Amino acid sequence: MPLDRFVLIVVAAMAAAGIAVYIGLLLSAAITMPPLLIAIVPVLALVAYICVRVIRDRLTNAEDDYYDRIER
């Protein structure tokens, strides 16, 4: 596995863990402030969608695999 793909997986896992904790905090705070949660959920969904698209594009783009074509 190329090093850049490994680093991308580690960063994505750490980001997912951070997002899960953040969403948990938002949900626990929503008990006292429901309008805030209603306003933030669409923004979080948009950010998550953009992150998924960027990661998917990075993993499937053949032009970015420069180091895979280098002979050893």
N, C-alpha and C. Protein backbone atom coordinates (compact mmCIF):
# COMPACT_ATOMS: atom_id res chain seq x y z
N MET A 1 0.85 -1.17 0.00
CA MET A 1 0.00 0.00 0.00
C MET A 1 0.90 1.24 0.00
N PRO A 2 0.64 2.15 -0.91
CA PRO A 2 1.44 3.38 -0.95
C PRO A 2 1.27 4.19 0.33
N LEU A 3 2.33 4.88 0.67
CA LEU A 3 2.34 5.66 1.90
C LEU A 3 1.27 6.75 1.89
N ASP A 4 1.05 7.40 0.75
CA ASP A 4 0.06 8.47 0.71
C ASP A 4 -1.35 7.95 0.94
N ARG A 5 -1.64 6.75 0.46
CA ARG A 5 -2.96 6.16 0.70
C ARG A 5 -3.14 5.79 2.17
N PHE A 6 -2.07 5.28 2.78
CA PHE A 6 -2.12 4.94 4.21
C PHE A 6 -2.36 6.19 5.05
N VAL A 7 -1.65 7.26 4.73
CA VAL A 7 -1.82 8.51 5.47
C VAL A 7 -3.24 9.05 5.27
N LEU A 8 -3.76 8.94 4.05
CA LEU A 8 -5.11 9.40 3.78
C LEU A 8 -6.13 8.61 4.61
N ILE A 9 -5.94 7.31 4.73
CA ILE A 9 -6.85 6.48 5.53
C ILE A 9 -6.77 6.87 6.99
N VAL A 10 -5.57 7.09 7.51
CA VAL A 10 -5.41 7.47 8.91
C VAL A 10 -6.06 8.83 9.18
N VAL A 11 -5.84 9.78 8.30
CA VAL A 11 -6.43 11.11 8.47
C VAL A 11 -7.95 11.04 8.39
N ALA A 12 -8.47 10.25 7.45
CA ALA A 12 -9.92 10.11 7.32
C ALA A 12 -10.52 9.46 8.57
N ALA A 13 -9.83 8.46 9.12
CA ALA A 13 -10.33 7.81 10.34
C ALA A 13 -10.32 8.78 11.52
N MET A 14 -9.26 9.56 11.64
CA MET A 14 -9.20 10.53 12.73
C MET A 14 -10.27 11.61 12.56
N ALA A 15 -10.49 12.05 11.34
CA ALA A 15 -11.52 13.05 11.08
C ALA A 15 -12.90 12.49 11.39
N ALA A 16 -13.14 11.24 11.00
CA ALA A 16 -14.44 10.62 11.28
C ALA A 16 -14.67 10.50 12.79
N ALA A 17 -13.63 10.14 13.53
CA ALA A 17 -13.77 10.05 14.98
C ALA A 17 -14.06 11.43 15.58
N GLY A 18 -13.36 12.44 15.11
CA GLY A 18 -13.60 13.79 15.60
C GLY A 18 -14.99 14.28 15.28
N ILE A 19 -15.45 13.98 14.07
CA ILE A 19 -16.80 14.39 13.67
C ILE A 19 -17.84 13.66 14.52
N ALA A 20 -17.61 12.37 14.79
CA ALA A 20 -18.55 11.61 15.62
C ALA A 20 -18.64 12.21 17.03
N VAL A 21 -17.51 12.58 17.59
CA VAL A 21 -17.52 13.20 18.92
C VAL A 21 -18.23 14.55 18.86
N TYR A 22 -17.96 15.33 17.83
CA TYR A 22 -18.59 16.64 17.70
C TYR A 22 -20.10 16.52 17.55
N ILE A 23 -20.55 15.57 16.74
CA ILE A 23 -21.99 15.37 16.56
C ILE A 23 -22.62 14.91 17.87
N GLY A 24 -21.91 14.05 18.60
CA GLY A 24 -22.41 13.63 19.91
C GLY A 24 -22.57 14.80 20.86
N LEU A 25 -21.59 15.69 20.84
CA LEU A 25 -21.69 16.89 21.68
C LEU A 25 -22.85 17.79 21.24
N LEU A 26 -23.03 17.91 19.94
CA LEU A 26 -24.15 18.70 19.44
C LEU A 26 -25.49 18.10 19.86
N LEU A 27 -25.59 16.78 19.75
CA LEU A 27 -26.84 16.13 20.14
C LEU A 27 -27.11 16.28 21.64
N SER A 28 -26.06 16.18 22.45
CA SER A 28 -26.27 16.34 23.89
C SER A 28 -26.63 17.78 24.23
N ALA A 29 -26.09 18.72 23.49
CA ALA A 29 -26.44 20.12 23.72
C ALA A 29 -27.81 20.46 23.15
N ALA A 30 -28.28 19.67 22.20
CA ALA A 30 -29.56 19.96 21.56
C ALA A 30 -30.73 19.74 22.51
N ILE A 31 -30.48 19.02 23.59
CA ILE A 31 -31.56 18.81 24.56
C ILE A 31 -31.99 20.15 25.14
N THR A 32 -31.06 21.05 25.30
CA THR A 32 -31.41 22.35 25.87
C THR A 32 -31.63 23.41 24.80
N MET A 33 -31.11 23.20 23.57
CA MET A 33 -31.23 24.20 22.51
C MET A 33 -31.59 23.54 21.18
N PRO A 34 -32.81 23.06 20.98
CA PRO A 34 -33.19 22.40 19.72
C PRO A 34 -33.07 23.28 18.48
N PRO A 35 -33.35 24.57 18.48
CA PRO A 35 -33.24 25.35 17.25
C PRO A 35 -31.80 25.39 16.70
N LEU A 36 -30.82 25.35 17.59
CA LEU A 36 -29.44 25.36 17.14
C LEU A 36 -29.12 24.10 16.35
N LEU A 37 -29.59 22.96 16.82
CA LEU A 37 -29.35 21.70 16.12
C LEU A 37 -30.01 21.72 14.75
N ILE A 38 -31.22 22.23 14.68
CA ILE A 38 -31.93 22.28 13.40
C ILE A 38 -31.18 23.15 12.40
N ALA A 39 -30.52 24.17 12.85
CA ALA A 39 -29.78 25.06 11.95
C ALA A 39 -28.43 24.47 11.54
N ILE A 40 -27.82 23.65 12.39
CA ILE A 40 -26.47 23.15 12.13
C ILE A 40 -26.46 21.85 11.34
N VAL A 41 -27.48 21.02 11.45
CA VAL A 41 -27.50 19.72 10.78
C VAL A 41 -27.33 19.84 9.27
N PRO A 42 -28.01 20.72 8.56
CA PRO A 42 -27.78 20.82 7.11
C PRO A 42 -26.34 21.22 6.77
N VAL A 43 -25.76 22.09 7.57
CA VAL A 43 -24.37 22.51 7.32
C VAL A 43 -23.43 21.33 7.53
N LEU A 44 -23.63 20.56 8.59
CA LEU A 44 -22.80 19.38 8.83
C LEU A 44 -22.98 18.34 7.73
N ALA A 45 -24.19 18.17 7.25
CA ALA A 45 -24.43 17.22 6.16
C ALA A 45 -23.71 17.67 4.89
N LEU A 46 -23.71 18.94 4.60
CA LEU A 46 -23.02 19.46 3.42
C LEU A 46 -21.51 19.25 3.55
N VAL A 47 -20.95 19.52 4.72
CA VAL A 47 -19.52 19.33 4.94
C VAL A 47 -19.16 17.86 4.80
N ALA A 48 -19.97 16.97 5.35
CA ALA A 48 -19.71 15.53 5.24
C ALA A 48 -19.77 15.09 3.78
N TYR A 49 -20.73 15.59 3.03
CA TYR A 49 -20.84 15.24 1.61
C TYR A 49 -19.61 15.70 0.83
N ILE A 50 -19.14 16.90 1.09
CA ILE A 50 -17.95 17.41 0.41
C ILE A 50 -16.73 16.57 0.76
N CYS A 51 -16.59 16.21 2.03
CA CYS A 51 -15.45 15.38 2.45
C CYS A 51 -15.47 14.02 1.76
N VAL A 52 -16.64 13.41 1.68
CA VAL A 52 -16.75 12.11 1.01
C VAL A 52 -16.41 12.24 -0.47
N ARG A 53 -16.87 13.28 -1.12
CA ARG A 53 -16.56 13.48 -2.55
C ARG A 53 -15.07 13.69 -2.77
N VAL A 54 -14.42 14.47 -1.90
CA VAL A 54 -12.98 14.73 -2.04
C VAL A 54 -12.19 13.44 -1.85
N ILE A 55 -12.53 12.67 -0.84
CA ILE A 55 -11.81 11.41 -0.60
C ILE A 55 -12.04 10.43 -1.73
N ARG A 56 -13.28 10.33 -2.22
CA ARG A 56 -13.58 9.41 -3.32
C ARG A 56 -12.81 9.84 -4.58
N ASP A 57 -12.77 11.13 -4.86
CA ASP A 57 -12.04 11.61 -6.03
C ASP A 57 -10.55 11.35 -5.89
N ARG A 58 -10.03 11.52 -4.70
CA ARG A 58 -8.60 11.29 -4.46
C ARG A 58 -8.23 9.82 -4.65
N LEU A 59 -9.10 8.92 -4.23
CA LEU A 59 -8.79 7.50 -4.33
C LEU A 59 -8.98 6.95 -5.74
N THR A 60 -9.85 7.56 -6.53
CA THR A 60 -10.13 7.03 -7.86
C THR A 60 -9.43 7.78 -8.99
N ASN A 61 -8.70 8.84 -8.70
CA ASN A 61 -8.05 9.64 -9.73
C ASN A 61 -6.73 8.97 -10.13
N ALA A 62 -6.63 8.56 -11.38
CA ALA A 62 -5.43 7.87 -11.86
C ALA A 62 -4.25 8.84 -12.03
N GLU A 63 -4.52 10.11 -12.23
CA GLU A 63 -3.44 11.07 -12.42
C GLU A 63 -2.64 11.30 -11.14
N ASP A 64 -3.23 11.05 -9.99
CA ASP A 64 -2.54 11.27 -8.73
C ASP A 64 -1.64 10.11 -8.32
N ASP A 65 -1.64 9.04 -9.07
CA ASP A 65 -0.85 7.86 -8.74
C ASP A 65 0.54 7.93 -9.38
N TYR A 66 1.18 9.07 -9.27
CA TYR A 66 2.48 9.28 -9.90
C TYR A 66 3.51 8.29 -9.35
N TYR A 67 3.55 8.12 -8.04
CA TYR A 67 4.58 7.28 -7.44
C TYR A 67 4.34 5.78 -7.68
N ASP A 68 3.14 5.41 -8.07
CA ASP A 68 2.86 4.01 -8.39
C ASP A 68 3.50 3.62 -9.72
N ARG A 69 3.77 4.60 -10.60
CA ARG A 69 4.34 4.29 -11.92
C ARG A 69 5.86 4.32 -11.93
N ILE A 70 6.48 4.69 -10.85
CA ILE A 70 7.94 4.77 -10.79
C ILE A 70 8.52 3.36 -10.64
N GLU A 71 9.49 3.06 -11.49
CA GLU A 71 10.13 1.74 -11.40
C GLU A 71 11.10 1.74 -10.22
N ARG A 72 11.18 0.60 -9.58
CA ARG A 72 12.05 0.49 -8.42
C ARG A 72 13.25 -0.37 -8.74
